[in-house]
Amino acid sequence: MAEKSATSHRNAVDRVVAAHGFAVDLPVVGRVRIPPPEHLAYYGVLGALAVAEIIEWPVALVLATGHWLVENQHNRLAHEVGEALEEA
């Protein structure tokens, strides 16, 4: 019974992470994760601000990297919660 519960918790966490974005298989590159639309909009606006020289490109790069790192941490945390529930 505990194994069934752990599996359902793990499946729930996997669905939450999967719903947050999707991946595309590209011929040369391989599997590429596509961020959700609101993240794409954020990166697009940063790019537009850098192109329009409203902000400098290093600043845009730092902001985009920070945003990506926070999102990556969120996904890692969701997986760790799933693993913890699986072990419980």
PDB file of N, CA and C in Angstrom:
ATOM      1  N   MET A   1       0.820  -1.193   0.000  1.00  0.00           N
ATOM      2  CA  MET A   1       0.000   0.000   0.000  1.00  0.00           C
ATOM      3  C   MET A   1       0.868   1.264   0.000  1.00  0.00           C
ATOM      4  N   ALA A   2       1.946   1.248   0.799  1.00  0.00           N
ATOM      5  CA  ALA A   2       2.834   2.415   0.860  1.00  0.00           C
ATOM      6  C   ALA A   2       3.500   2.658  -0.483  1.00  0.00           C
ATOM      7  N   GLU A   3       3.811   1.590  -1.204  1.00  0.00           N
ATOM      8  CA  GLU A   3       4.451   1.737  -2.521  1.00  0.00           C
ATOM      9  C   GLU A   3       3.506   2.408  -3.505  1.00  0.00           C
ATOM     10  N   LYS A   4       2.221   2.061  -3.443  1.00  0.00           N
ATOM     11  CA  LYS A   4       1.238   2.671  -4.336  1.00  0.00           C
ATOM     12  C   LYS A   4       1.112   4.166  -4.045  1.00  0.00           C
ATOM     13  N   SER A   5       1.107   4.539  -2.762  1.00  0.00           N
ATOM     14  CA  SER A   5       1.009   5.934  -2.370  1.00  0.00           C
ATOM     15  C   SER A   5       2.236   6.719  -2.831  1.00  0.00           C
ATOM     16  N   ALA A   6       3.423   6.120  -2.656  1.00  0.00           N
ATOM     17  CA  ALA A   6       4.660   6.780  -3.080  1.00  0.00           C
ATOM     18  C   ALA A   6       4.669   6.984  -4.576  1.00  0.00           C
ATOM     19  N   THR A   7       4.192   6.001  -5.321  1.00  0.00           N
ATOM     20  CA  THR A   7       4.147   6.107  -6.777  1.00  0.00           C
ATOM     21  C   THR A   7       3.183   7.211  -7.190  1.00  0.00           C
ATOM     22  N   SER A   8       2.041   7.313  -6.526  1.00  0.00           N
ATOM     23  CA  SER A   8       1.083   8.357  -6.892  1.00  0.00           C
ATOM     24  C   SER A   8       1.636   9.749  -6.556  1.00  0.00           C
ATOM     25  N   HIS A   9       2.379   9.872  -5.443  1.00  0.00           N
ATOM     26  CA  HIS A   9       3.003  11.151  -5.109  1.00  0.00           C
ATOM     27  C   HIS A   9       4.044  11.522  -6.163  1.00  0.00           C
ATOM     28  N   ARG A  10       4.839  10.535  -6.547  1.00  0.00           N
ATOM     29  CA  ARG A  10       5.886  10.779  -7.553  1.00  0.00           C
ATOM     30  C   ARG A  10       5.255  11.179  -8.883  1.00  0.00           C
ATOM     31  N   ASN A  11       4.177  10.496  -9.257  1.00  0.00           N
ATOM     32  CA  ASN A  11       3.490  10.835 -10.508  1.00  0.00           C
ATOM     33  C   ASN A  11       2.916  12.245 -10.443  1.00  0.00           C
ATOM     34  N   ALA A  12       2.398  12.639  -9.281  1.00  0.00           N
ATOM     35  CA  ALA A  12       1.851  13.992  -9.134  1.00  0.00           C
ATOM     36  C   ALA A  12       2.942  15.040  -9.311  1.00  0.00           C
ATOM     37  N   VAL A  13       4.091  14.815  -8.702  1.00  0.00           N
ATOM     38  CA  VAL A  13       5.199  15.767  -8.840  1.00  0.00           C
ATOM     39  C   VAL A  13       5.669  15.821 -10.290  1.00  0.00           C
ATOM     40  N   ASP A  14       5.771  14.678 -10.945  1.00  0.00           N
ATOM     41  CA  ASP A  14       6.185  14.649 -12.349  1.00  0.00           C
ATOM     42  C   ASP A  14       5.202  15.413 -13.231  1.00  0.00           C
ATOM     43  N   ARG A  15       3.906  15.286 -12.944  1.00  0.00           N
ATOM     44  CA  ARG A  15       2.900  16.010 -13.736  1.00  0.00           C
ATOM     45  C   ARG A  15       3.007  17.513 -13.526  1.00  0.00           C
ATOM     46  N   VAL A  16       3.279  17.943 -12.289  1.00  0.00           N
ATOM     47  CA  VAL A  16       3.419  19.375 -12.017  1.00  0.00           C
ATOM     48  C   VAL A  16       4.613  19.926 -12.780  1.00  0.00           C
ATOM     49  N   VAL A  17       5.727  19.223 -12.723  1.00  0.00           N
ATOM     50  CA  VAL A  17       6.932  19.674 -13.430  1.00  0.00           C
ATOM     51  C   VAL A  17       6.697  19.663 -14.938  1.00  0.00           C
ATOM     52  N   ALA A  18       6.049  18.622 -15.454  1.00  0.00           N
ATOM     53  CA  ALA A  18       5.796  18.521 -16.897  1.00  0.00           C
ATOM     54  C   ALA A  18       4.831  19.604 -17.356  1.00  0.00           C
ATOM     55  N   ALA A  19       3.864  19.963 -16.538  1.00  0.00           N
ATOM     56  CA  ALA A  19       2.896  20.982 -16.926  1.00  0.00           C
ATOM     57  C   ALA A  19       3.522  22.360 -16.958  1.00  0.00           C
ATOM     58  N   HIS A  20       4.649  22.510 -16.330  1.00  0.00           N
ATOM     59  CA  HIS A  20       5.312  23.808 -16.262  1.00  0.00           C
ATOM     60  C   HIS A  20       6.066  24.138 -17.544  1.00  0.00           C
ATOM     61  N   GLY A  21       6.165  23.220 -18.448  1.00  0.00           N
ATOM     62  CA  GLY A  21       6.843  23.419 -19.718  1.00  0.00           C
ATOM     63  C   GLY A  21       6.818  22.122 -20.502  1.00  0.00           C
ATOM     64  N   PHE A  22       7.436  22.099 -21.653  1.00  0.00           N
ATOM     65  CA  PHE A  22       7.508  20.873 -22.420  1.00  0.00           C
ATOM     66  C   PHE A  22       8.856  20.801 -23.120  1.00  0.00           C
ATOM     67  N   ALA A  23       9.133  19.651 -23.701  1.00  0.00           N
ATOM     68  CA  ALA A  23      10.418  19.451 -24.361  1.00  0.00           C
ATOM     69  C   ALA A  23      10.197  19.062 -25.816  1.00  0.00           C
ATOM     70  N   VAL A  24      11.162  19.401 -26.646  1.00  0.00           N
ATOM     71  CA  VAL A  24      11.123  19.098 -28.070  1.00  0.00           C
ATOM     72  C   VAL A  24      12.398  18.348 -28.425  1.00  0.00           C
ATOM     73  N   ASP A  25      12.269  17.300 -29.234  1.00  0.00           N
ATOM     74  CA  ASP A  25      13.435  16.560 -29.713  1.00  0.00           C
ATOM     75  C   ASP A  25      13.904  17.179 -31.026  1.00  0.00           C
ATOM     76  N   LEU A  26      15.107  17.755 -31.019  1.00  0.00           N
ATOM     77  CA  LEU A  26      15.683  18.353 -32.220  1.00  0.00           C
ATOM     78  C   LEU A  26      16.737  17.415 -32.784  1.00  0.00           C
ATOM     79  N   PRO A  27      16.823  17.305 -34.117  1.00  0.00           N
ATOM     80  CA  PRO A  27      17.720  16.325 -34.741  1.00  0.00           C
ATOM     81  C   PRO A  27      19.179  16.409 -34.297  1.00  0.00           C
ATOM     82  N   VAL A  28      19.787  17.551 -34.325  1.00  0.00           N
ATOM     83  CA  VAL A  28      21.214  17.676 -34.026  1.00  0.00           C
ATOM     84  C   VAL A  28      21.450  17.912 -32.535  1.00  0.00           C
ATOM     85  N   VAL A  29      20.606  18.719 -31.927  1.00  0.00           N
ATOM     86  CA  VAL A  29      20.804  19.149 -30.547  1.00  0.00           C
ATOM     87  C   VAL A  29      20.338  18.092 -29.545  1.00  0.00           C
ATOM     88  N   GLY A  30      19.260  17.408 -29.839  1.00  0.00           N
ATOM     89  CA  GLY A  30      18.682  16.442 -28.904  1.00  0.00           C
ATOM     90  C   GLY A  30      17.445  17.024 -28.240  1.00  0.00           C
ATOM     91  N   ARG A  31      17.174  16.593 -27.023  1.00  0.00           N
ATOM     92  CA  ARG A  31      15.981  17.042 -26.296  1.00  0.00           C
ATOM     93  C   ARG A  31      16.228  18.419 -25.683  1.00  0.00           C
ATOM     94  N   VAL A  32      15.358  19.383 -26.030  1.00  0.00           N
ATOM     95  CA  VAL A  32      15.467  20.752 -25.552  1.00  0.00           C
ATOM     96  C   VAL A  32      14.183  21.094 -24.807  1.00  0.00           C
ATOM     97  N   ARG A  33      14.333  21.551 -23.555  1.00  0.00           N
ATOM     98  CA  ARG A  33      13.187  21.938 -22.750  1.00  0.00           C
ATOM     99  C   ARG A  33      12.762  23.352 -23.131  1.00  0.00           C
ATOM    100  N   ILE A  34      11.486  23.516 -23.439  1.00  0.00           N
ATOM    101  CA  ILE A  34      10.930  24.814 -23.795  1.00  0.00           C
ATOM    102  C   ILE A  34      10.241  25.380 -22.558  1.00  0.00           C
ATOM    103  N   PRO A  35      10.628  26.567 -22.133  1.00  0.00           N
ATOM    104  CA  PRO A  35       9.992  27.153 -20.949  1.00  0.00           C
ATOM    105  C   PRO A  35       8.540  27.545 -21.237  1.00  0.00           C
ATOM    106  N   PRO A  36       7.767  27.737 -20.183  1.00  0.00           N
ATOM    107  CA  PRO A  36       6.378  28.182 -20.373  1.00  0.00           C
ATOM    108  C   PRO A  36       6.322  29.567 -21.007  1.00  0.00           C
ATOM    109  N   PRO A  37       5.181  29.927 -21.580  1.00  0.00           N
ATOM    110  CA  PRO A  37       5.066  31.201 -22.304  1.00  0.00           C
ATOM    111  C   PRO A  37       5.450  32.439 -21.490  1.00  0.00           C
ATOM    112  N   GLU A  38       5.112  32.458 -20.194  1.00  0.00           N
ATOM    113  CA  GLU A  38       5.445  33.650 -19.413  1.00  0.00           C
ATOM    114  C   GLU A  38       6.953  33.819 -19.253  1.00  0.00           C
ATOM    115  N   HIS A  39       7.696  32.719 -19.244  1.00  0.00           N
ATOM    116  CA  HIS A  39       9.156  32.801 -19.164  1.00  0.00           C
ATOM    117  C   HIS A  39       9.732  33.233 -20.522  1.00  0.00           C
ATOM    118  N   LEU A  40       9.155  32.724 -21.592  1.00  0.00           N
ATOM    119  CA  LEU A  40       9.600  33.144 -22.928  1.00  0.00           C
ATOM    120  C   LEU A  40       9.373  34.644 -23.107  1.00  0.00           C
ATOM    121  N   ALA A  41       8.244  35.147 -22.602  1.00  0.00           N
ATOM    122  CA  ALA A  41       7.963  36.577 -22.693  1.00  0.00           C
ATOM    123  C   ALA A  41       9.000  37.372 -21.912  1.00  0.00           C
ATOM    124  N   TYR A  42       9.368  36.883 -20.739  1.00  0.00           N
ATOM    125  CA  TYR A  42      10.369  37.562 -19.911  1.00  0.00           C
ATOM    126  C   TYR A  42      11.699  37.654 -20.658  1.00  0.00           C
ATOM    127  N   TYR A  43      12.141  36.511 -21.224  1.00  0.00           N
ATOM    128  CA  TYR A  43      13.406  36.512 -21.968  1.00  0.00           C
ATOM    129  C   TYR A  43      13.314  37.402 -23.205  1.00  0.00           C
ATOM    130  N   GLY A  44      12.157  37.393 -23.854  1.00  0.00           N
ATOM    131  CA  GLY A  44      11.974  38.238 -25.034  1.00  0.00           C
ATOM    132  C   GLY A  44      12.051  39.717 -24.707  1.00  0.00           C
ATOM    133  N   VAL A  45      11.428  40.111 -23.603  1.00  0.00           N
ATOM    134  CA  VAL A  45      11.475  41.520 -23.192  1.00  0.00           C
ATOM    135  C   VAL A  45      12.900  41.916 -22.817  1.00  0.00           C
ATOM    136  N   LEU A  46      13.609  41.037 -22.112  1.00  0.00           N
ATOM    137  CA  LEU A  46      15.009  41.340 -21.797  1.00  0.00           C
ATOM    138  C   LEU A  46      15.820  41.538 -23.073  1.00  0.00           C
ATOM    139  N   GLY A  47      15.611  40.654 -24.041  1.00  0.00           N
ATOM    140  CA  GLY A  47      16.312  40.782 -25.313  1.00  0.00           C
ATOM    141  C   GLY A  47      15.969  42.076 -26.027  1.00  0.00           C
ATOM    142  N   ALA A  48      14.689  42.423 -26.022  1.00  0.00           N
ATOM    143  CA  ALA A  48      14.260  43.657 -26.679  1.00  0.00           C
ATOM    144  C   ALA A  48      14.854  44.882 -25.986  1.00  0.00           C
ATOM    145  N   LEU A  49      14.896  44.859 -24.664  1.00  0.00           N
ATOM    146  CA  LEU A  49      15.495  45.978 -23.930  1.00  0.00           C
ATOM    147  C   LEU A  49      16.984  46.106 -24.234  1.00  0.00           C
ATOM    148  N   ALA A  50      17.658  44.970 -24.380  1.00  0.00           N
ATOM    149  CA  ALA A  50      19.088  45.008 -24.705  1.00  0.00           C
ATOM    150  C   ALA A  50      19.309  45.508 -26.133  1.00  0.00           C
ATOM    151  N   VAL A  51      18.473  45.062 -27.067  1.00  0.00           N
ATOM    152  CA  VAL A  51      18.607  45.505 -28.457  1.00  0.00           C
ATOM    153  C   VAL A  51      18.327  46.998 -28.575  1.00  0.00           C
ATOM    154  N   ALA A  52      17.326  47.475 -27.828  1.00  0.00           N
ATOM    155  CA  ALA A  52      16.981  48.901 -27.859  1.00  0.00           C
ATOM    156  C   ALA A  52      17.962  49.737 -27.045  1.00  0.00           C
ATOM    157  N   GLU A  53      18.935  49.089 -26.435  1.00  0.00           N
ATOM    158  CA  GLU A  53      19.966  49.728 -25.622  1.00  0.00           C
ATOM    159  C   GLU A  53      19.392  50.485 -24.421  1.00  0.00           C
ATOM    160  N   ILE A  54      18.267  49.987 -23.917  1.00  0.00           N
ATOM    161  CA  ILE A  54      17.704  50.535 -22.686  1.00  0.00           C
ATOM    162  C   ILE A  54      18.478  49.980 -21.500  1.00  0.00           C
ATOM    163  N   ILE A  55      18.850  48.704 -21.608  1.00  0.00           N
ATOM    164  CA  ILE A  55      19.767  48.098 -20.648  1.00  0.00           C
ATOM    165  C   ILE A  55      20.920  47.499 -21.442  1.00  0.00           C
ATOM    166  N   GLU A  56      22.050  47.369 -20.809  1.00  0.00           N
ATOM    167  CA  GLU A  56      23.201  46.794 -21.499  1.00  0.00           C
ATOM    168  C   GLU A  56      23.063  45.279 -21.552  1.00  0.00           C
ATOM    169  N   TRP A  57      23.656  44.652 -22.576  1.00  0.00           N
ATOM    170  CA  TRP A  57      23.494  43.217 -22.754  1.00  0.00           C
ATOM    171  C   TRP A  57      24.045  42.400 -21.585  1.00  0.00           C
ATOM    172  N   PRO A  58      25.143  42.821 -20.918  1.00  0.00           N
ATOM    173  CA  PRO A  58      25.575  42.028 -19.764  1.00  0.00           C
ATOM    174  C   PRO A  58      24.533  42.013 -18.636  1.00  0.00           C
ATOM    175  N   VAL A  59      23.832  43.131 -18.468  1.00  0.00           N
ATOM    176  CA  VAL A  59      22.781  43.188 -17.453  1.00  0.00           C
ATOM    177  C   VAL A  59      21.642  42.245 -17.836  1.00  0.00           C
ATOM    178  N   ALA A  60      21.249  42.275 -19.095  1.00  0.00           N
ATOM    179  CA  ALA A  60      20.193  41.372 -19.575  1.00  0.00           C
ATOM    180  C   ALA A  60      20.609  39.917 -19.390  1.00  0.00           C
ATOM    181  N   LEU A  61      21.865  39.616 -19.661  1.00  0.00           N
ATOM    182  CA  LEU A  61      22.366  38.256 -19.504  1.00  0.00           C
ATOM    183  C   LEU A  61      22.341  37.817 -18.042  1.00  0.00           C
ATOM    184  N   VAL A  62      22.739  38.703 -17.144  1.00  0.00           N
ATOM    185  CA  VAL A  62      22.724  38.386 -15.708  1.00  0.00           C
ATOM    186  C   VAL A  62      21.287  38.163 -15.230  1.00  0.00           C
ATOM    187  N   LEU A  63      20.367  39.028 -15.662  1.00  0.00           N
ATOM    188  CA  LEU A  63      18.966  38.868 -15.264  1.00  0.00           C
ATOM    189  C   LEU A  63      18.373  37.565 -15.796  1.00  0.00           C
ATOM    190  N   ALA A  64      18.658  37.241 -17.049  1.00  0.00           N
ATOM    191  CA  ALA A  64      18.147  35.997 -17.632  1.00  0.00           C
ATOM    192  C   ALA A  64      18.742  34.778 -16.932  1.00  0.00           C
ATOM    193  N   THR A  65      20.027  34.827 -16.626  1.00  0.00           N
ATOM    194  CA  THR A  65      20.678  33.715 -15.928  1.00  0.00           C
ATOM    195  C   THR A  65      20.102  33.541 -14.534  1.00  0.00           C
ATOM    196  N   GLY A  66      19.894  34.632 -13.821  1.00  0.00           N
ATOM    197  CA  GLY A  66      19.293  34.553 -12.495  1.00  0.00           C
ATOM    198  C   GLY A  66      17.894  33.973 -12.537  1.00  0.00           C
ATOM    199  N   HIS A  67      17.120  34.390 -13.513  1.00  0.00           N
ATOM    200  CA  HIS A  67      15.760  33.867 -13.675  1.00  0.00           C
ATOM    201  C   HIS A  67      15.800  32.373 -13.957  1.00  0.00           C
ATOM    202  N   TRP A  68      16.702  31.959 -14.833  1.00  0.00           N
ATOM    203  CA  TRP A  68      16.821  30.538 -15.164  1.00  0.00           C
ATOM    204  C   TRP A  68      17.253  29.722 -13.944  1.00  0.00           C
ATOM    205  N   LEU A  69      18.195  30.241 -13.168  1.00  0.00           N
ATOM    206  CA  LEU A  69      18.665  29.525 -11.978  1.00  0.00           C
ATOM    207  C   LEU A  69      17.552  29.351 -10.947  1.00  0.00           C
ATOM    208  N   VAL A  70      16.745  30.380 -10.746  1.00  0.00           N
ATOM    209  CA  VAL A  70      15.624  30.276  -9.804  1.00  0.00           C
ATOM    210  C   VAL A  70      14.634  29.221 -10.292  1.00  0.00           C
ATOM    211  N   GLU A  71      14.334  29.231 -11.574  1.00  0.00           N
ATOM    212  CA  GLU A  71      13.404  28.239 -12.136  1.00  0.00           C
ATOM    213  C   GLU A  71      13.982  26.831 -12.019  1.00  0.00           C
ATOM    214  N   ASN A  72      15.261  26.681 -12.266  1.00  0.00           N
ATOM    215  CA  ASN A  72      15.921  25.381 -12.164  1.00  0.00           C
ATOM    216  C   ASN A  72      15.863  24.872 -10.728  1.00  0.00           C
ATOM    217  N   GLN A  73      16.058  25.759  -9.759  1.00  0.00           N
ATOM    218  CA  GLN A  73      15.980  25.391  -8.348  1.00  0.00           C
ATOM    219  C   GLN A  73      14.567  24.929  -7.995  1.00  0.00           C
ATOM    220  N   HIS A  74      13.560  25.598  -8.565  1.00  0.00           N
ATOM    221  CA  HIS A  74      12.169  25.212  -8.315  1.00  0.00           C
ATOM    222  C   HIS A  74      11.927  23.785  -8.797  1.00  0.00           C
ATOM    223  N   ASN A  75      12.401  23.450  -9.993  1.00  0.00           N
ATOM    224  CA  ASN A  75      12.219  22.099 -10.530  1.00  0.00           C
ATOM    225  C   ASN A  75      12.966  21.067  -9.686  1.00  0.00           C
ATOM    226  N   ARG A  76      14.170  21.394  -9.249  1.00  0.00           N
ATOM    227  CA  ARG A  76      14.951  20.473  -8.425  1.00  0.00           C
ATOM    228  C   ARG A  76      14.229  20.232  -7.098  1.00  0.00           C
ATOM    229  N   LEU A  77      13.666  21.282  -6.522  1.00  0.00           N
ATOM    230  CA  LEU A  77      12.933  21.155  -5.268  1.00  0.00           C
ATOM    231  C   LEU A  77      11.711  20.263  -5.438  1.00  0.00           C
ATOM    232  N   ALA A  78      11.003  20.402  -6.547  1.00  0.00           N
ATOM    233  CA  ALA A  78       9.831  19.558  -6.801  1.00  0.00           C
ATOM    234  C   ALA A  78      10.238  18.090  -6.907  1.00  0.00           C
ATOM    235  N   HIS A  79      11.353  17.810  -7.548  1.00  0.00           N
ATOM    236  CA  HIS A  79      11.828  16.426  -7.647  1.00  0.00           C
ATOM    237  C   HIS A  79      12.241  15.887  -6.286  1.00  0.00           C
ATOM    238  N   GLU A  80      12.896  16.710  -5.483  1.00  0.00           N
ATOM    239  CA  GLU A  80      13.311  16.263  -4.152  1.00  0.00           C
ATOM    240  C   GLU A  80      12.093  15.972  -3.276  1.00  0.00           C
ATOM    241  N   VAL A  81      11.051  16.794  -3.384  1.00  0.00           N
ATOM    242  CA  VAL A  81       9.822  16.531  -2.623  1.00  0.00           C
ATOM    243  C   VAL A  81       9.223  15.199  -3.065  1.00  0.00           C
ATOM    244  N   GLY A  82       9.208  14.959  -4.351  1.00  0.00           N
ATOM    245  CA  GLY A  82       8.686  13.689  -4.863  1.00  0.00           C
ATOM    246  C   GLY A  82       9.475  12.506  -4.357  1.00  0.00           C
ATOM    247  N   GLU A  83      10.803  12.633  -4.341  1.00  0.00           N
ATOM    248  CA  GLU A  83      11.637  11.539  -3.833  1.00  0.00           C
ATOM    249  C   GLU A  83      11.433  11.325  -2.348  1.00  0.00           C
ATOM    250  N   ALA A  84      11.278  12.421  -1.597  1.00  0.00           N
ATOM    251  CA  ALA A  84      11.039  12.302  -0.152  1.00  0.00           C
ATOM    252  C   ALA A  84       9.696  11.613   0.119  1.00  0.00           C
ATOM    253  N   LEU A  85       8.684  11.976  -0.649  1.00  0.00           N
ATOM    254  CA  LEU A  85       7.382  11.327  -0.489  1.00  0.00           C
ATOM    255  C   LEU A  85       7.449   9.866  -0.892  1.00  0.00           C
ATOM    256  N   GLU A  86       8.271   9.568  -1.870  1.00  0.00           N
ATOM    257  CA  GLU A  86       8.429   8.184  -2.316  1.00  0.00           C
ATOM    258  C   GLU A  86       9.060   7.327  -1.218  1.00  0.00           C
ATOM    259  N   GLU A  87      10.012   7.895  -0.481  1.00  0.00           N
ATOM    260  CA  GLU A  87      10.697   7.158   0.573  1.00  0.00           C
ATOM    261  C   GLU A  87       9.846   7.038   1.835  1.00  0.00           C
ATOM    262  N   ALA A  88       8.906   7.945   2.030  1.00  0.00           N
ATOM    263  CA  ALA A  88       8.094   7.944   3.258  1.00  0.00           C
ATOM    264  C   ALA A  88       7.079   6.820   3.272  1.00  0.00           C
TER     265      ALA A  88
END
